[in-house]
Amino acid sequence: DIFYEAANASGSTVDYVHGFISNTANYSAT
């Protein structure tokens, strides 16, 4: 829900989102 809210905030739309990334700078197993 909050990802969607941010993607539509400050003049943005979901069309400006190409994707998402997980585990940045972390250690969780793939």
PDB file of all heavy atoms in Angstrom:
ATOM      1  N   ASP A   1       0.822  -1.214   0.000  1.00  0.00           N
ATOM      2  CA  ASP A   1       0.000   0.000   0.000  1.00  0.00           C
ATOM      3  C   ASP A   1       0.855   1.262   0.000  1.00  0.00           C
ATOM      4  O   ASP A   1       0.573   2.222  -0.726  1.00  0.00           O
ATOM      5  CB  ASP A   1      -0.924   0.010   1.221  1.00  0.00           C
ATOM      6  CG  ASP A   1      -2.005  -1.070   1.145  1.00  0.00           C
ATOM      7  OD1 ASP A   1      -2.244  -1.601   0.049  1.00  0.00           O
ATOM      8  OD2 ASP A   1      -2.601  -1.379   2.204  1.00  0.00           O
ATOM      9  N   ILE A   2       1.907   1.273   0.821  1.00  0.00           N
ATOM     10  CA  ILE A   2       2.711   2.495   0.925  1.00  0.00           C
ATOM     11  C   ILE A   2       3.614   2.670  -0.297  1.00  0.00           C
ATOM     12  O   ILE A   2       3.908   3.796  -0.702  1.00  0.00           O
ATOM     13  CB  ILE A   2       3.501   2.537   2.251  1.00  0.00           C
ATOM     14  CG1 ILE A   2       3.730   3.995   2.666  1.00  0.00           C
ATOM     15  CG2 ILE A   2       4.810   1.777   2.176  1.00  0.00           C
ATOM     16  CD1 ILE A   2       3.910   4.193   4.132  1.00  0.00           C
ATOM     17  N   PHE A   3       4.032   1.556  -0.923  1.00  0.00           N
ATOM     18  CA  PHE A   3       4.764   1.673  -2.187  1.00  0.00           C
ATOM     19  C   PHE A   3       3.870   2.351  -3.238  1.00  0.00           C
ATOM     20  O   PHE A   3       4.326   3.211  -4.003  1.00  0.00           O
ATOM     21  CB  PHE A   3       5.193   0.297  -2.712  1.00  0.00           C
ATOM     22  CG  PHE A   3       6.177  -0.424  -1.831  1.00  0.00           C
ATOM     23  CD1 PHE A   3       6.188  -1.819  -1.774  1.00  0.00           C
ATOM     24  CD2 PHE A   3       7.096   0.266  -1.052  1.00  0.00           C
ATOM     25  CE1 PHE A   3       7.092  -2.495  -0.980  1.00  0.00           C
ATOM     26  CE2 PHE A   3       8.006  -0.415  -0.244  1.00  0.00           C
ATOM     27  CZ  PHE A   3       8.000  -1.791  -0.211  1.00  0.00           C
ATOM     28  N   TYR A   4       2.620   1.943  -3.262  1.00  0.00           N
ATOM     29  CA  TYR A   4       1.675   2.511  -4.233  1.00  0.00           C
ATOM     30  C   TYR A   4       1.417   3.991  -3.943  1.00  0.00           C
ATOM     31  O   TYR A   4       1.355   4.813  -4.859  1.00  0.00           O
ATOM     32  CB  TYR A   4       0.371   1.717  -4.200  1.00  0.00           C
ATOM     33  CG  TYR A   4      -0.595   2.078  -5.301  1.00  0.00           C
ATOM     34  CD1 TYR A   4      -0.396   1.629  -6.602  1.00  0.00           C
ATOM     35  CD2 TYR A   4      -1.711   2.863  -5.033  1.00  0.00           C
ATOM     36  CE1 TYR A   4      -1.280   1.958  -7.619  1.00  0.00           C
ATOM     37  CE2 TYR A   4      -2.606   3.207  -6.049  1.00  0.00           C
ATOM     38  CZ  TYR A   4      -2.388   2.744  -7.339  1.00  0.00           C
ATOM     39  OH  TYR A   4      -3.266   3.086  -8.340  1.00  0.00           O
ATOM     40  N   GLU A   5       1.287   4.320  -2.656  1.00  0.00           N
ATOM     41  CA  GLU A   5       1.079   5.716  -2.277  1.00  0.00           C
ATOM     42  C   GLU A   5       2.251   6.583  -2.742  1.00  0.00           C
ATOM     43  O   GLU A   5       2.060   7.664  -3.321  1.00  0.00           O
ATOM     44  CB  GLU A   5       0.913   5.824  -0.760  1.00  0.00           C
ATOM     45  CG  GLU A   5       0.677   7.233  -0.259  1.00  0.00           C
ATOM     46  CD  GLU A   5       0.621   7.342   1.254  1.00  0.00           C
ATOM     47  OE1 GLU A   5       0.669   6.296   1.945  1.00  0.00           O
ATOM     48  OE2 GLU A   5       0.564   8.478   1.765  1.00  0.00           O
ATOM     49  N   ALA A   6       3.484   6.112  -2.498  1.00  0.00           N
ATOM     50  CA  ALA A   6       4.666   6.884  -2.878  1.00  0.00           C
ATOM     51  C   ALA A   6       4.790   6.997  -4.397  1.00  0.00           C
ATOM     52  O   ALA A   6       5.205   8.037  -4.922  1.00  0.00           O
ATOM     53  CB  ALA A   6       5.921   6.247  -2.294  1.00  0.00           C
ATOM     54  N   ALA A   7       4.419   5.928  -5.106  1.00  0.00           N
ATOM     55  CA  ALA A   7       4.531   5.935  -6.568  1.00  0.00           C
ATOM     56  C   ALA A   7       3.565   6.925  -7.206  1.00  0.00           C
ATOM     57  O   ALA A   7       3.738   7.290  -8.380  1.00  0.00           O
ATOM     58  CB  ALA A   7       4.276   4.538  -7.122  1.00  0.00           C
ATOM     59  N   ASN A   8       2.572   7.365  -6.445  1.00  0.00           N
ATOM     60  CA  ASN A   8       1.601   8.324  -6.957  1.00  0.00           C
ATOM     61  C   ASN A   8       1.673   9.664  -6.235  1.00  0.00           C
ATOM     62  O   ASN A   8       0.752  10.479  -6.338  1.00  0.00           O
ATOM     63  CB  ASN A   8       0.188   7.739  -6.837  1.00  0.00           C
ATOM     64  CG  ASN A   8      -0.048   6.600  -7.817  1.00  0.00           C
ATOM     65  OD1 ASN A   8      -0.253   6.812  -9.004  1.00  0.00           O
ATOM     66  ND2 ASN A   8       0.020   5.370  -7.313  1.00  0.00           N
ATOM     67  N   ALA A   9       2.767   9.910  -5.524  1.00  0.00           N
ATOM     68  CA  ALA A   9       2.940  11.159  -4.775  1.00  0.00           C
ATOM     69  C   ALA A   9       3.773  12.156  -5.570  1.00  0.00           C
ATOM     70  O   ALA A   9       4.534  11.785  -6.478  1.00  0.00           O
ATOM     71  CB  ALA A   9       3.612  10.872  -3.429  1.00  0.00           C
ATOM     72  N   SER A  10       3.646  13.408  -5.227  1.00  0.00           N
ATOM     73  CA  SER A  10       4.491  14.485  -5.782  1.00  0.00           C
ATOM     74  C   SER A  10       4.522  14.502  -7.309  1.00  0.00           C
ATOM     75  O   SER A  10       5.558  14.761  -7.920  1.00  0.00           O
ATOM     76  CB  SER A  10       5.920  14.371  -5.231  1.00  0.00           C
ATOM     77  OG  SER A  10       5.922  14.521  -3.833  1.00  0.00           O
ATOM     78  N   GLY A  11       3.402  14.187  -7.930  1.00  0.00           N
ATOM     79  CA  GLY A  11       3.323  14.232  -9.386  1.00  0.00           C
ATOM     80  C   GLY A  11       3.772  12.965 -10.084  1.00  0.00           C
ATOM     81  O   GLY A  11       3.757  12.900 -11.317  1.00  0.00           O
ATOM     82  N   SER A  12       4.175  11.958  -9.322  1.00  0.00           N
ATOM     83  CA  SER A  12       4.598  10.695  -9.936  1.00  0.00           C
ATOM     84  C   SER A  12       3.382   9.833 -10.270  1.00  0.00           C
ATOM     85  O   SER A  12       2.271  10.078  -9.788  1.00  0.00           O
ATOM     86  CB  SER A  12       5.523   9.928  -8.986  1.00  0.00           C
ATOM     87  OG  SER A  12       5.924   8.690  -9.561  1.00  0.00           O
ATOM     88  N   THR A  13       3.609   8.837 -11.094  1.00  0.00           N
ATOM     89  CA  THR A  13       2.607   7.798 -11.356  1.00  0.00           C
ATOM     90  C   THR A  13       3.328   6.460 -11.388  1.00  0.00           C
ATOM     91  O   THR A  13       4.569   6.400 -11.433  1.00  0.00           O
ATOM     92  CB  THR A  13       1.895   7.995 -12.713  1.00  0.00           C
ATOM     93  OG1 THR A  13       2.787   7.599 -13.777  1.00  0.00           O
ATOM     94  CG2 THR A  13       1.476   9.446 -12.926  1.00  0.00           C
ATOM     95  N   VAL A  14       2.565   5.376 -11.414  1.00  0.00           N
ATOM     96  CA  VAL A  14       3.180   4.039 -11.457  1.00  0.00           C
ATOM     97  C   VAL A  14       3.971   3.835 -12.741  1.00  0.00           C
ATOM     98  O   VAL A  14       4.833   2.947 -12.813  1.00  0.00           O
ATOM     99  CB  VAL A  14       2.123   2.930 -11.299  1.00  0.00           C
ATOM    100  CG1 VAL A  14       1.500   2.964  -9.916  1.00  0.00           C
ATOM    101  CG2 VAL A  14       1.045   3.035 -12.377  1.00  0.00           C
ATOM    102  N   ASP A  15       3.703   4.646 -13.760  1.00  0.00           N
ATOM    103  CA  ASP A  15       4.450   4.502 -15.011  1.00  0.00           C
ATOM    104  C   ASP A  15       5.921   4.854 -14.857  1.00  0.00           C
ATOM    105  O   ASP A  15       6.743   4.505 -15.717  1.00  0.00           O
ATOM    106  CB  ASP A  15       3.822   5.378 -16.101  1.00  0.00           C
ATOM    107  CG  ASP A  15       2.476   4.852 -16.568  1.00  0.00           C
ATOM    108  OD1 ASP A  15       2.232   3.640 -16.433  1.00  0.00           O
ATOM    109  OD2 ASP A  15       1.669   5.661 -17.067  1.00  0.00           O
ATOM    110  N   TYR A  16       6.257   5.563 -13.787  1.00  0.00           N
ATOM    111  CA  TYR A  16       7.663   5.903 -13.537  1.00  0.00           C
ATOM    112  C   TYR A  16       8.387   4.822 -12.734  1.00  0.00           C
ATOM    113  O   TYR A  16       9.556   4.992 -12.389  1.00  0.00           O
ATOM    114  CB  TYR A  16       7.755   7.239 -12.800  1.00  0.00           C
ATOM    115  CG  TYR A  16       7.353   8.441 -13.628  1.00  0.00           C
ATOM    116  CD1 TYR A  16       6.476   9.392 -13.118  1.00  0.00           C
ATOM    117  CD2 TYR A  16       7.850   8.628 -14.914  1.00  0.00           C
ATOM    118  CE1 TYR A  16       6.110  10.506 -13.869  1.00  0.00           C
ATOM    119  CE2 TYR A  16       7.489   9.727 -15.672  1.00  0.00           C
ATOM    120  CZ  TYR A  16       6.614  10.658 -15.151  1.00  0.00           C
ATOM    121  OH  TYR A  16       6.254  11.753 -15.902  1.00  0.00           O
ATOM    122  N   VAL A  17       7.706   3.746 -12.419  1.00  0.00           N
ATOM    123  CA  VAL A  17       8.307   2.656 -11.633  1.00  0.00           C
ATOM    124  C   VAL A  17       8.570   1.474 -12.555  1.00  0.00           C
ATOM    125  O   VAL A  17       7.637   0.873 -13.085  1.00  0.00           O
ATOM    126  CB  VAL A  17       7.391   2.231 -10.471  1.00  0.00           C
ATOM    127  CG1 VAL A  17       8.033   1.093  -9.681  1.00  0.00           C
ATOM    128  CG2 VAL A  17       7.089   3.420  -9.558  1.00  0.00           C
ATOM    129  N   HIS A  18       9.836   1.157 -12.749  1.00  0.00           N
ATOM    130  CA  HIS A  18      10.189   0.032 -13.623  1.00  0.00           C
ATOM    131  C   HIS A  18      10.232  -1.285 -12.857  1.00  0.00           C
ATOM    132  O   HIS A  18      10.133  -2.357 -13.444  1.00  0.00           O
ATOM    133  CB  HIS A  18      11.536   0.291 -14.304  1.00  0.00           C
ATOM    134  CG  HIS A  18      11.676  -0.404 -15.619  1.00  0.00           C
ATOM    135  ND1 HIS A  18      11.087   0.052 -16.787  1.00  0.00           N
ATOM    136  CD2 HIS A  18      12.312  -1.550 -15.951  1.00  0.00           C
ATOM    137  CE1 HIS A  18      11.366  -0.768 -17.783  1.00  0.00           C
ATOM    138  NE2 HIS A  18      12.104  -1.748 -17.305  1.00  0.00           N
ATOM    139  N   GLY A  19      10.428  -1.182 -11.533  1.00  0.00           N
ATOM    140  CA  GLY A  19      10.477  -2.402 -10.743  1.00  0.00           C
ATOM    141  C   GLY A  19      10.849  -2.115  -9.305  1.00  0.00           C
ATOM    142  O   GLY A  19      10.815  -0.967  -8.838  1.00  0.00           O
ATOM    143  N   PHE A  20      11.219  -3.183  -8.602  1.00  0.00           N
ATOM    144  CA  PHE A  20      11.562  -3.103  -7.184  1.00  0.00           C
ATOM    145  C   PHE A  20      12.805  -3.955  -6.924  1.00  0.00           C
ATOM    146  O   PHE A  20      13.115  -4.867  -7.679  1.00  0.00           O
ATOM    147  CB  PHE A  20      10.403  -3.614  -6.321  1.00  0.00           C
ATOM    148  CG  PHE A  20       9.208  -2.693  -6.303  1.00  0.00           C
ATOM    149  CD1 PHE A  20       8.330  -2.661  -7.378  1.00  0.00           C
ATOM    150  CD2 PHE A  20       8.976  -1.849  -5.234  1.00  0.00           C
ATOM    151  CE1 PHE A  20       7.236  -1.806  -7.385  1.00  0.00           C
ATOM    152  CE2 PHE A  20       7.884  -0.988  -5.226  1.00  0.00           C
ATOM    153  CZ  PHE A  20       7.016  -0.971  -6.306  1.00  0.00           C
ATOM    154  N   ILE A  21      13.494  -3.624  -5.845  1.00  0.00           N
ATOM    155  CA  ILE A  21      14.680  -4.388  -5.459  1.00  0.00           C
ATOM    156  C   ILE A  21      14.576  -4.822  -4.010  1.00  0.00           C
ATOM    157  O   ILE A  21      14.112  -4.065  -3.157  1.00  0.00           O
ATOM    158  CB  ILE A  21      15.976  -3.569  -5.682  1.00  0.00           C
ATOM    159  CG1 ILE A  21      17.207  -4.399  -5.291  1.00  0.00           C
ATOM    160  CG2 ILE A  21      15.949  -2.232  -4.934  1.00  0.00           C
ATOM    161  CD1 ILE A  21      18.531  -3.805  -5.721  1.00  0.00           C
ATOM    162  N   SER A  22      14.993  -6.058  -3.738  1.00  0.00           N
ATOM    163  CA  SER A  22      15.003  -6.556  -2.358  1.00  0.00           C
ATOM    164  C   SER A  22      16.424  -6.893  -1.926  1.00  0.00           C
ATOM    165  O   SER A  22      17.326  -7.078  -2.748  1.00  0.00           O
ATOM    166  CB  SER A  22      14.113  -7.798  -2.219  1.00  0.00           C
ATOM    167  OG  SER A  22      14.792  -8.964  -2.635  1.00  0.00           O
ATOM    168  N   ASN A  23      16.572  -6.949  -0.618  1.00  0.00           N
ATOM    169  CA  ASN A  23      17.821  -7.408   0.014  1.00  0.00           C
ATOM    170  C   ASN A  23      18.988  -6.462  -0.185  1.00  0.00           C
ATOM    171  O   ASN A  23      20.145  -6.855  -0.036  1.00  0.00           O
ATOM    172  CB  ASN A  23      18.193  -8.807  -0.508  1.00  0.00           C
ATOM    173  CG  ASN A  23      19.049  -9.591   0.478  1.00  0.00           C
ATOM    174  OD1 ASN A  23      18.758  -9.623   1.671  1.00  0.00           O
ATOM    175  ND2 ASN A  23      20.107 -10.214  -0.011  1.00  0.00           N
ATOM    176  N   THR A  24      18.720  -5.196  -0.493  1.00  0.00           N
ATOM    177  CA  THR A  24      19.827  -4.268  -0.711  1.00  0.00           C
ATOM    178  C   THR A  24      20.662  -4.134   0.552  1.00  0.00           C
ATOM    179  O   THR A  24      20.139  -3.833   1.618  1.00  0.00           O
ATOM    180  CB  THR A  24      19.307  -2.884  -1.131  1.00  0.00           C
ATOM    181  OG1 THR A  24      18.422  -3.040  -2.244  1.00  0.00           O
ATOM    182  CG2 THR A  24      20.453  -1.978  -1.525  1.00  0.00           C
ATOM    183  N   ALA A  25      21.969  -4.348   0.398  1.00  0.00           N
ATOM    184  CA  ALA A  25      22.913  -4.249   1.515  1.00  0.00           C
ATOM    185  C   ALA A  25      22.551  -5.195   2.649  1.00  0.00           C
ATOM    186  O   ALA A  25      22.901  -4.960   3.799  1.00  0.00           O
ATOM    187  CB  ALA A  25      22.999  -2.809   2.032  1.00  0.00           C
ATOM    188  N   ASN A  26      21.877  -6.306   2.308  1.00  0.00           N
ATOM    189  CA  ASN A  26      21.498  -7.255   3.357  1.00  0.00           C
ATOM    190  C   ASN A  26      22.031  -8.644   3.046  1.00  0.00           C
ATOM    191  O   ASN A  26      22.747  -8.840   2.071  1.00  0.00           O
ATOM    192  CB  ASN A  26      19.981  -7.240   3.563  1.00  0.00           C
ATOM    193  CG  ASN A  26      19.617  -7.541   5.011  1.00  0.00           C
ATOM    194  OD1 ASN A  26      19.536  -8.689   5.424  1.00  0.00           O
ATOM    195  ND2 ASN A  26      19.405  -6.483   5.788  1.00  0.00           N
ATOM    196  N   TYR A  27      21.651  -9.598   3.868  1.00  0.00           N
ATOM    197  CA  TYR A  27      22.302 -10.905   3.866  1.00  0.00           C
ATOM    198  C   TYR A  27      21.333 -12.070   3.685  1.00  0.00           C
ATOM    199  O   TYR A  27      21.721 -13.225   3.781  1.00  0.00           O
ATOM    200  CB  TYR A  27      23.057 -11.090   5.185  1.00  0.00           C
ATOM    201  CG  TYR A  27      24.135 -10.067   5.430  1.00  0.00           C
ATOM    202  CD1 TYR A  27      23.846  -8.829   6.004  1.00  0.00           C
ATOM    203  CD2 TYR A  27      25.464 -10.317   5.072  1.00  0.00           C
ATOM    204  CE1 TYR A  27      24.844  -7.879   6.223  1.00  0.00           C
ATOM    205  CE2 TYR A  27      26.458  -9.382   5.289  1.00  0.00           C
ATOM    206  CZ  TYR A  27      26.140  -8.157   5.866  1.00  0.00           C
ATOM    207  OH  TYR A  27      27.128  -7.224   6.071  1.00  0.00           O
ATOM    208  N   SER A  28      20.051 -11.784   3.434  1.00  0.00           N
ATOM    209  CA  SER A  28      19.063 -12.860   3.297  1.00  0.00           C
ATOM    210  C   SER A  28      19.380 -13.724   2.085  1.00  0.00           C
ATOM    211  O   SER A  28      19.700 -13.215   1.011  1.00  0.00           O
ATOM    212  CB  SER A  28      17.660 -12.268   3.155  1.00  0.00           C
ATOM    213  OG  SER A  28      17.278 -11.562   4.323  1.00  0.00           O
ATOM    214  N   ALA A  29      19.256 -15.029   2.245  1.00  0.00           N
ATOM    215  CA  ALA A  29      19.579 -15.974   1.171  1.00  0.00           C
ATOM    216  C   ALA A  29      18.626 -15.795  -0.003  1.00  0.00           C
ATOM    217  O   ALA A  29      17.425 -15.576   0.179  1.00  0.00           O
ATOM    218  CB  ALA A  29      19.496 -17.404   1.690  1.00  0.00           C
ATOM    219  N   THR A  30      19.166 -15.895  -1.210  1.00  0.00           N
ATOM    220  CA  THR A  30      18.324 -15.840  -2.399  1.00  0.00           C
ATOM    221  C   THR A  30      17.370 -17.024  -2.418  1.00  0.00           C
ATOM    222  O   THR A  30      16.166 -16.875  -2.628  1.00  0.00           O
ATOM    223  CB  THR A  30      19.188 -15.835  -3.670  1.00  0.00           C
ATOM    224  OG1 THR A  30      20.125 -14.760  -3.603  1.00  0.00           O
ATOM    225  CG2 THR A  30      18.323 -15.679  -4.913  1.00  0.00           C
TER     226      THR A  30
END
